[in-house]
Amino acid sequence: MFHSSYLRPRIYSYNGDVAPAQIDRLQSLSSSPTLNREEIREIGRDGIVDWRKRIPSNRVTAMQYEYGDLEFFRKITNKADSVNTITLADFKSSMFDIGCYKTDDDGTFISTTVYPKLRVAGFSINIGDPQAYIERNFDFIGEDEDIYEGSNKYYIYKKFTASGGAPESFTVSSPTAVLDPDNSGQYMIRVLRVNVSDGTTDELTYTSGTASGTNFAFSAPSTLTVATSAGDVVKAYYTATTYLSSDVFTNNDTDAAALPAENCSILLYVSADNIVYKLQSVGIDVSFDRTDYYEIGSDKVIQRGVRSNTVRFTLGKILDAYTIEEIMRGVSSTYGRINTRKYIDNATFRLKIYGNSTKNTFNIGFKSTNLSPVDLGTTVPTNDYVQRIVTMQSDNLQISTTESVIDA
C-alpha cells in the first residue's frame, strides 16, 4: 500500500525555461479520469456492436495550505522564479504535468503516476473561520493519466542549453532512458524546444530519420538530436528504472507550515482603504471559461484558450454594523439610508497575508479592481447572532509577493 507520507508530488511546467519543483504544503490531491466511451448499437442486434473511444478527460483537484510563497502559482503559469506578480492572463496558455512518485510501506519504489498537460480551470483562496488556516484550492483539467511502473517506473526530466547546431546532439543519461512500451522504438515521452528567438515552446515529433525543423531523433542508448539555434533550451521527458542523483522530495523546513487567519488583513477601497473587521469567512473564487478545439483527422486537442474570467469574493460576517454596505454605497456611517440600487461598481479588494499576526512581515497578497456587489444575504439563526454574506464580482486578480503591487 501507498501512504501519503511516501507519495512525493512534483510539477513540471510546459512552456518556457522553467525548472520543475516539488509541491510543498499539499493537503489533498485527487484525479477523476473519464474515458468518454460510447456504445454503438444497431437495430436487430441484442448487444453492443462496438465502442467508440472518444478523447478522454481528466479532472485533478488539489488543496494546499497557504505558506506565503508564490512558487506553485509560478509553476502552473509557467513563469520563471524571478517573477513576483501573477495575473489571470498568465493562466491562458500555460500547461504543466503533475507527477506523483510512489513508494510502498516496505520502502520499495513502485511507480510514478503522471497527469500530463494540465490546465487551470479555476482556483480559490479560502478562510473558513477566524481560527482556520488559509487554504488554496485548485481545479485542473487535462486528458490523460499515465502510470509508469516496472522498468519505466521513474518519470525523468532533463534540460539542455543549445550551442546551436543543424542538428545538435545531446547526451541523455544518468539515468538511461527506457523504451516507451506504447510506442515502438521510441524512448522519449516528450521533447520540447524553447526558442530563444521569441520565447515560444515547440513540442517536437519523433522521427527515425534526421532531426530537422520540429522533428527530433533519438539513437539508443543516449543520443538525442534536435535542430537548434544557440541559446535554445531543449527539455526531454522520459522514463527510467532509476532516478536522478538528486532527491524526488526534500523537506521544506524554511517556509511557514501553514498561515492562519489571524495573519490576514482584508481591505475594501472606494475612495480610501477600509479594513473590514469581524469577518467570519472569506472566499476568493476564480473560474476560467476554457475551451478546447479539435480537428478532423486527429485525436488530440490542437488549440486551447480562455473565453473569459470570473472572480467572486464572498465575505461572511457577524452583523453588528453595516461597514461593507457603507463602503459599497460610498458613504459614512452617519448617512441615513443605504439602498441596493445605489451601490458602486468600482471597489477594490485587497487580501494581505503576513508571516505573523503582528503583520510586520508581508508574505503574499491578492488584489482585484472594479468590483461590483452581486449578491447580499442575511441569515437569522435561532438563538444566535445575525449573519451577513456579501458577494462581489470582477474579472481580474493580481497575486504578488511585493506589497507595493498590492497597495498600488
Protein backbone atom coordinates (compact mmCIF):
# COMPACT_ATOMS: atom_id res chain seq x y z
CA MET A 1 0.00 0.00 0.00
CA PHE A 2 0.99 3.63 -0.52
CA HIS A 3 0.83 6.04 2.41
CA SER A 4 0.53 9.76 1.71
CA SER A 5 3.83 10.31 3.54
CA TYR A 6 5.58 8.45 0.73
CA LEU A 7 3.75 9.92 -2.24
CA ARG A 8 6.08 12.66 -3.45
CA PRO A 9 4.40 15.25 -5.74
CA ARG A 10 6.33 17.25 -8.34
CA ILE A 11 5.28 19.74 -11.01
CA TYR A 12 6.77 20.24 -14.47
CA SER A 13 5.94 23.45 -16.36
CA TYR A 14 5.38 23.03 -20.10
CA ASN A 15 6.21 26.43 -21.60
CA GLY A 16 9.48 28.26 -21.22
CA ASP A 17 12.71 27.60 -19.37
CA VAL A 18 11.06 26.85 -16.01
CA ALA A 19 12.61 24.34 -13.63
CA PRO A 20 10.49 21.56 -12.08
CA ALA A 21 9.73 21.71 -8.37
CA GLN A 22 8.24 19.65 -5.59
CA ILE A 23 4.79 20.71 -4.39
CA ASP A 24 5.01 21.90 -0.80
CA ARG A 25 2.20 22.01 1.79
CA LEU A 26 -0.12 19.86 -0.32
CA GLN A 27 -3.03 18.54 1.76
CA SER A 28 -5.07 16.63 -0.80
CA LEU A 29 -4.78 15.56 -4.43
CA SER A 30 -7.38 13.67 -6.42
CA SER A 31 -7.94 12.73 -10.05
CA SER A 32 -11.07 11.61 -11.88
CA PRO A 33 -10.25 10.25 -15.36
CA THR A 34 -13.27 9.82 -17.62
CA LEU A 35 -12.74 7.58 -20.65
CA ASN A 36 -15.66 9.01 -22.65
CA ARG A 37 -16.54 5.66 -24.23
CA GLU A 38 -19.75 5.43 -26.26
CA GLU A 39 -21.75 2.29 -27.03
CA ILE A 40 -22.56 1.62 -30.68
CA ARG A 41 -25.71 -0.41 -31.18
CA GLU A 42 -27.89 -1.33 -34.15
CA ILE A 43 -31.46 -2.35 -34.80
CA GLY A 44 -31.81 -6.12 -34.94
CA ARG A 45 -28.90 -6.93 -32.62
CA ASP A 46 -29.21 -7.77 -28.94
CA GLY A 47 -25.96 -6.34 -27.62
CA ILE A 48 -23.23 -3.84 -28.33
CA VAL A 49 -21.71 -3.71 -31.82
CA ASP A 50 -18.60 -1.86 -30.65
CA TRP A 51 -17.34 1.00 -28.53
CA ARG A 52 -16.42 4.47 -29.78
CA LYS A 53 -13.33 5.72 -27.96
CA ARG A 54 -13.57 9.48 -27.69
CA ILE A 55 -10.84 11.75 -26.33
CA PRO A 56 -10.70 11.11 -22.57
CA SER A 57 -10.83 13.82 -19.94
CA ASN A 58 -9.32 14.12 -16.51
CA ARG A 59 -10.10 16.44 -13.63
CA VAL A 60 -7.44 16.89 -10.98
CA THR A 61 -8.11 18.80 -7.77
CA ALA A 62 -5.62 19.87 -5.16
CA MET A 63 -5.70 21.64 -1.80
CA GLN A 64 -2.64 23.36 -0.45
CA TYR A 65 -2.14 25.34 2.74
CA GLU A 66 -1.10 28.93 2.15
CA TYR A 67 2.53 29.31 3.18
CA GLY A 68 3.38 32.70 1.73
CA ASP A 69 5.33 31.56 -1.34
CA LEU A 70 4.47 32.19 -5.00
CA GLU A 71 6.31 29.12 -6.30
CA PHE A 72 3.30 26.92 -7.11
CA PHE A 73 1.50 29.80 -8.83
CA ARG A 74 4.63 30.39 -10.92
CA LYS A 75 4.81 26.74 -11.96
CA ILE A 76 1.16 26.47 -13.02
CA THR A 77 1.52 29.68 -15.06
CA ASN A 78 4.92 28.63 -16.48
CA LYS A 79 6.73 31.67 -15.07
CA ALA A 80 10.39 31.98 -14.09
CA ASP A 81 11.47 32.06 -10.45
CA SER A 82 12.26 35.78 -10.82
CA VAL A 83 8.56 36.64 -11.38
CA ASN A 84 6.85 38.03 -8.27
CA THR A 85 3.43 39.01 -9.67
CA ILE A 86 0.86 36.82 -11.44
CA THR A 87 -2.27 38.00 -13.28
CA LEU A 88 -5.14 35.98 -14.74
CA ALA A 89 -3.79 36.48 -18.26
CA ASP A 90 -0.85 34.28 -17.26
CA PHE A 91 -3.16 31.25 -16.94
CA LYS A 92 -4.44 31.32 -20.52
CA SER A 93 -1.89 29.21 -22.39
CA SER A 94 0.06 27.62 -19.54
CA MET A 95 0.25 23.84 -19.11
CA PHE A 96 2.06 21.53 -16.74
CA ASP A 97 2.49 17.93 -15.61
CA ILE A 98 2.00 16.74 -12.06
CA GLY A 99 3.95 13.61 -11.17
CA CYS A 100 3.26 11.50 -8.07
CA TYR A 101 6.23 9.31 -7.09
CA LYS A 102 5.03 6.36 -5.02
CA THR A 103 6.92 4.24 -2.50
CA ASP A 104 5.12 1.42 -0.68
CA ASP A 105 5.06 0.62 3.04
CA ASP A 106 8.08 -1.66 2.64
CA GLY A 107 10.18 1.21 1.32
CA THR A 108 10.19 -0.06 -2.28
CA PHE A 109 9.66 2.50 -5.02
CA ILE A 110 6.87 1.17 -7.24
CA SER A 111 5.63 3.73 -9.77
CA THR A 112 5.06 7.29 -10.93
CA THR A 113 1.59 8.48 -11.84
CA VAL A 114 1.67 11.47 -14.19
CA TYR A 115 -1.16 13.83 -15.11
CA PRO A 116 0.20 15.48 -18.27
CA LYS A 117 -0.66 18.80 -19.89
CA LEU A 118 -2.96 20.04 -17.16
CA ARG A 119 -4.55 23.48 -17.39
CA VAL A 120 -6.10 25.58 -14.64
CA ALA A 121 -9.91 25.58 -14.77
CA GLY A 122 -10.18 27.58 -11.55
CA PHE A 123 -8.79 28.15 -8.09
CA SER A 124 -9.87 29.63 -4.79
CA ILE A 125 -8.43 31.15 -1.65
CA ASN A 126 -10.49 30.23 1.40
CA ILE A 127 -10.51 31.28 5.03
CA GLY A 128 -13.22 29.16 6.62
CA ASP A 129 -13.37 30.81 10.03
CA PRO A 130 -11.30 33.09 12.29
CA GLN A 131 -9.26 30.14 13.60
CA ALA A 132 -8.74 28.39 10.26
CA TYR A 133 -5.65 28.02 8.15
CA ILE A 134 -5.73 29.80 4.80
CA GLU A 135 -6.33 27.31 2.01
CA ARG A 136 -5.59 27.31 -1.70
CA ASN A 137 -7.87 25.05 -3.75
CA PHE A 138 -7.13 24.25 -7.40
CA ASP A 139 -9.20 22.70 -10.18
CA PHE A 140 -7.16 21.37 -13.12
CA ILE A 141 -8.29 19.77 -16.37
CA GLY A 142 -6.47 17.52 -18.80
CA GLU A 143 -6.96 14.43 -20.89
CA ASP A 144 -4.72 11.67 -19.59
CA GLU A 145 -3.41 9.72 -16.62
CA ASP A 146 -0.17 7.78 -17.16
CA ILE A 147 1.02 5.15 -14.70
CA TYR A 148 4.69 4.31 -15.17
CA GLU A 149 5.84 1.11 -13.46
CA GLY A 150 8.28 -1.77 -13.82
CA SER A 151 11.36 -0.75 -15.80
CA ASN A 152 9.64 2.59 -16.61
CA LYS A 153 8.78 3.47 -13.01
CA TYR A 154 10.60 6.83 -12.74
CA TYR A 155 9.45 9.89 -14.70
CA ILE A 156 12.56 11.89 -15.61
CA TYR A 157 13.14 15.45 -16.82
CA LYS A 158 16.38 16.70 -18.34
CA LYS A 159 17.22 20.19 -19.60
CA PHE A 160 19.87 21.09 -22.19
CA THR A 161 21.01 24.51 -23.43
CA ALA A 162 21.90 24.55 -27.12
CA SER A 163 25.09 25.93 -28.57
CA GLY A 164 23.40 25.92 -31.98
CA GLY A 165 23.53 23.08 -34.42
CA ALA A 166 21.84 21.83 -37.54
CA PRO A 167 21.10 19.46 -35.90
CA GLU A 168 22.71 19.29 -32.43
CA SER A 169 23.17 16.19 -30.30
CA PHE A 170 22.67 15.90 -26.53
CA THR A 171 23.52 13.00 -24.24
CA VAL A 172 20.56 11.73 -22.25
CA SER A 173 21.97 9.67 -19.41
CA SER A 174 22.16 9.24 -15.63
CA PRO A 175 19.67 7.62 -15.70
CA THR A 176 19.42 5.81 -19.02
CA ALA A 177 16.15 6.13 -20.93
CA VAL A 178 13.94 3.04 -21.21
CA LEU A 179 11.82 2.18 -24.25
CA ASP A 180 8.26 3.52 -24.18
CA PRO A 181 6.15 0.32 -24.29
CA ASP A 182 3.28 2.14 -26.03
CA ASN A 183 5.43 3.49 -28.88
CA SER A 184 7.69 1.01 -30.63
CA GLY A 185 11.28 2.13 -30.97
CA GLN A 186 10.78 5.36 -29.01
CA TYR A 187 12.46 6.33 -25.75
CA MET A 188 11.30 9.90 -25.21
CA ILE A 189 7.87 10.61 -23.74
CA ARG A 190 8.11 14.22 -24.86
CA VAL A 191 10.72 16.63 -26.23
CA LEU A 192 10.17 20.40 -26.07
CA ARG A 193 12.27 23.18 -27.56
CA VAL A 194 12.12 26.66 -26.06
CA ASN A 195 13.09 29.02 -28.85
CA VAL A 196 15.45 31.78 -27.79
CA SER A 197 14.32 33.93 -30.74
CA ASP A 198 10.80 34.56 -29.45
CA GLY A 199 10.35 32.60 -26.20
CA THR A 200 7.83 30.18 -27.71
CA THR A 201 7.83 26.46 -26.94
CA ASP A 202 7.55 23.78 -29.63
CA GLU A 203 6.61 20.18 -28.95
CA LEU A 204 8.78 18.13 -31.27
CA THR A 205 7.76 14.99 -33.15
CA TYR A 206 9.84 11.83 -33.23
CA THR A 207 11.47 10.82 -36.49
CA SER A 208 13.54 7.75 -37.23
CA GLY A 209 15.43 9.82 -39.79
CA THR A 210 17.37 13.07 -39.46
CA ALA A 211 16.22 15.68 -36.96
CA SER A 212 15.08 18.93 -38.58
CA GLY A 213 12.51 21.64 -38.00
CA THR A 214 10.10 20.39 -35.35
CA ASN A 215 11.29 16.77 -35.51
CA PHE A 216 13.72 15.13 -33.12
CA ALA A 217 15.67 11.90 -33.39
CA PHE A 218 16.93 9.54 -30.72
CA SER A 219 19.65 6.92 -31.05
CA ALA A 220 19.80 4.43 -28.19
CA PRO A 221 21.10 4.37 -25.62
CA SER A 222 21.56 8.11 -25.10
CA THR A 223 21.80 10.41 -28.15
CA LEU A 224 19.02 12.96 -28.59
CA THR A 225 19.28 15.08 -31.74
CA VAL A 226 17.38 18.35 -32.24
CA ALA A 227 17.66 21.22 -34.73
CA THR A 228 18.55 24.24 -32.58
CA SER A 229 19.77 27.82 -32.51
CA ALA A 230 22.34 28.96 -29.98
CA GLY A 231 20.58 29.64 -26.65
CA ASP A 232 17.57 27.41 -27.30
CA VAL A 233 16.55 25.21 -24.38
CA VAL A 234 15.70 21.56 -25.02
CA LYS A 235 13.56 19.76 -22.42
CA ALA A 236 13.49 15.96 -22.54
CA TYR A 237 10.96 13.83 -20.65
CA TYR A 238 11.44 10.07 -20.43
CA THR A 239 11.14 7.11 -18.09
CA ALA A 240 13.85 5.10 -16.38
CA THR A 241 14.50 2.31 -13.91
CA THR A 242 16.36 4.64 -11.52
CA TYR A 243 16.03 8.31 -10.57
CA LEU A 244 18.37 11.28 -10.81
CA SER A 245 21.18 11.82 -8.32
CA SER A 246 19.01 14.38 -6.52
CA ASP A 247 16.04 13.52 -4.29
CA VAL A 248 12.45 13.44 -5.52
CA PHE A 249 11.32 15.40 -2.46
CA THR A 250 13.24 17.36 0.19
CA ASN A 251 11.56 18.56 3.39
CA ASN A 252 10.94 22.32 3.30
CA ASP A 253 11.57 23.49 6.85
CA THR A 254 12.24 27.11 5.86
CA ASP A 255 8.78 28.40 4.86
CA ALA A 256 5.80 28.55 7.20
CA ALA A 257 4.00 25.26 7.77
CA ALA A 258 0.64 26.99 7.24
CA LEU A 259 -0.51 30.58 7.66
CA PRO A 260 -3.61 31.14 9.84
CA ALA A 261 -6.50 33.58 9.50
CA GLU A 262 -5.12 35.98 12.13
CA ASN A 263 -2.24 36.79 9.77
CA CYS A 264 -4.61 38.45 7.28
CA SER A 265 -5.88 41.93 6.59
CA ILE A 266 -8.91 42.41 4.33
CA LEU A 267 -9.36 45.85 2.82
CA LEU A 268 -12.12 47.32 0.66
CA TYR A 269 -11.37 50.54 -1.18
CA VAL A 270 -13.55 53.10 -2.92
CA SER A 271 -12.11 56.48 -2.00
CA ALA A 272 -9.95 55.21 0.85
CA ASP A 273 -8.82 51.85 2.25
CA ASN A 274 -11.18 50.42 4.86
CA ILE A 275 -10.17 47.41 6.90
CA VAL A 276 -13.15 45.10 7.29
CA TYR A 277 -13.45 43.75 10.83
CA LYS A 278 -15.41 40.89 12.42
CA LEU A 279 -15.32 38.77 9.29
CA GLN A 280 -16.10 35.11 9.88
CA SER A 281 -15.16 33.79 6.44
CA VAL A 282 -13.52 34.98 3.23
CA GLY A 283 -13.54 33.31 -0.16
CA ILE A 284 -11.93 34.26 -3.47
CA ASP A 285 -13.15 32.04 -6.29
CA VAL A 286 -11.60 32.27 -9.77
CA SER A 287 -13.08 30.38 -12.71
CA PHE A 288 -11.93 30.29 -16.33
CA ASP A 289 -14.36 29.67 -19.18
CA ARG A 290 -11.96 27.36 -21.01
CA THR A 291 -12.41 25.93 -24.48
CA ASP A 292 -10.58 23.13 -26.27
CA TYR A 293 -10.55 22.79 -30.06
CA TYR A 294 -10.12 19.61 -32.07
CA GLU A 295 -9.73 18.95 -35.79
CA ILE A 296 -10.97 16.30 -38.18
CA GLY A 297 -8.29 13.69 -38.70
CA SER A 298 -6.72 13.99 -35.24
CA ASP A 299 -7.49 12.51 -31.82
CA LYS A 300 -5.68 15.31 -29.98
CA VAL A 301 -6.58 18.74 -28.65
CA ILE A 302 -4.96 21.16 -31.11
CA GLN A 303 -5.83 24.52 -29.55
CA ARG A 304 -6.70 25.68 -26.05
CA GLY A 305 -7.95 29.01 -24.83
CA VAL A 306 -9.92 31.00 -22.25
CA ARG A 307 -13.04 32.90 -23.28
CA SER A 308 -13.48 34.84 -20.05
CA ASN A 309 -12.57 35.04 -16.34
CA THR A 310 -14.91 35.34 -13.38
CA VAL A 311 -13.67 36.29 -9.92
CA ARG A 312 -16.10 36.20 -6.99
CA PHE A 313 -15.41 37.43 -3.47
CA THR A 314 -17.58 36.18 -0.62
CA LEU A 315 -17.37 37.88 2.76
CA GLY A 316 -19.25 36.47 5.73
CA LYS A 317 -19.53 38.47 8.94
CA ILE A 318 -21.48 38.84 12.15
CA LEU A 319 -23.88 41.72 11.56
CA ASP A 320 -23.08 44.39 14.12
CA ALA A 321 -22.71 47.30 11.71
CA TYR A 322 -23.10 47.95 8.00
CA THR A 323 -19.45 48.68 7.23
CA ILE A 324 -19.31 46.71 3.97
CA GLU A 325 -22.61 48.16 2.79
CA GLU A 326 -21.42 51.69 3.59
CA ILE A 327 -18.26 51.12 1.58
CA MET A 328 -20.25 49.74 -1.35
CA ARG A 329 -22.58 52.71 -1.14
CA GLY A 330 -19.66 55.13 -0.82
CA VAL A 331 -21.00 56.78 2.35
CA SER A 332 -20.12 57.02 6.03
CA SER A 333 -21.98 55.53 9.00
CA THR A 334 -23.76 58.86 9.52
CA TYR A 335 -25.55 58.61 6.18
CA GLY A 336 -29.20 57.82 6.82
CA ARG A 337 -30.10 55.39 4.00
CA ILE A 338 -28.35 52.57 2.15
CA ASN A 339 -30.28 51.37 -0.90
CA THR A 340 -29.01 48.49 -3.05
CA ARG A 341 -29.73 50.42 -6.27
CA LYS A 342 -27.13 52.97 -5.23
CA TYR A 343 -24.20 50.59 -4.71
CA ILE A 344 -21.00 51.44 -6.57
CA ASP A 345 -19.33 49.12 -9.09
CA ASN A 346 -15.70 50.18 -8.84
CA ALA A 347 -14.49 48.86 -5.49
CA THR A 348 -11.01 47.45 -4.92
CA PHE A 349 -10.44 44.36 -2.80
CA ARG A 350 -7.14 43.52 -1.12
CA LEU A 351 -6.26 40.43 0.89
CA LYS A 352 -2.84 40.82 2.51
CA ILE A 353 -1.23 37.83 4.21
CA TYR A 354 1.66 38.27 6.62
CA GLY A 355 4.20 35.96 8.19
CA ASN A 356 2.86 36.66 11.69
CA SER A 357 -0.17 38.07 13.49
CA THR A 358 1.61 41.37 14.24
CA LYS A 359 1.57 41.91 10.46
CA ASN A 360 5.02 43.38 10.12
CA THR A 361 6.30 40.87 7.52
CA PHE A 362 4.34 40.80 4.27
CA ASN A 363 4.30 37.41 2.51
CA ILE A 364 1.74 37.43 -0.29
CA GLY A 365 -1.33 39.37 -1.38
CA PHE A 366 -4.34 39.27 -3.69
CA LYS A 367 -5.85 42.34 -5.34
CA SER A 368 -8.85 42.91 -7.61
CA THR A 369 -10.29 46.14 -9.04
CA ASN A 370 -13.63 47.29 -10.46
CA LEU A 371 -15.66 45.04 -8.20
CA SER A 372 -19.42 45.16 -8.19
CA PRO A 373 -21.65 43.68 -5.48
CA VAL A 374 -23.84 40.94 -6.97
CA ASP A 375 -25.48 39.17 -4.03
CA LEU A 376 -26.39 40.01 -0.43
CA GLY A 377 -27.66 37.55 2.12
CA THR A 378 -28.82 37.72 5.72
CA THR A 379 -29.22 34.67 7.95
CA VAL A 380 -31.10 34.81 11.24
CA PRO A 381 -30.50 31.53 13.12
CA THR A 382 -32.39 30.64 16.28
CA ASN A 383 -30.64 31.70 19.47
CA ASP A 384 -27.61 33.08 17.62
CA TYR A 385 -26.36 36.29 16.08
CA VAL A 386 -27.47 37.62 12.71
CA GLN A 387 -25.01 36.83 9.93
CA ARG A 388 -24.44 38.75 6.71
CA ILE A 389 -22.91 37.42 3.48
CA VAL A 390 -21.81 39.80 0.75
CA THR A 391 -20.68 38.60 -2.69
CA MET A 392 -18.82 40.80 -5.14
CA GLN A 393 -17.56 40.05 -8.64
CA SER A 394 -14.90 41.19 -11.08
CA ASP A 395 -12.86 39.76 -13.94
CA ASN A 396 -9.33 40.40 -12.69
CA LEU A 397 -6.94 39.35 -9.94
CA GLN A 398 -3.32 40.06 -9.12
CA ILE A 399 -1.25 37.75 -6.92
CA SER A 400 2.03 39.17 -5.68
CA THR A 401 4.74 38.79 -3.08
CA THR A 402 5.55 42.51 -3.48
CA GLU A 403 3.43 44.58 -1.10
CA SER A 404 3.70 47.77 -3.19
CA VAL A 405 2.00 45.95 -6.09
CA ILE A 406 -0.97 45.06 -3.88
CA ASP A 407 -1.06 48.59 -2.42
CA ALA A 408 -0.92 50.34 -5.81
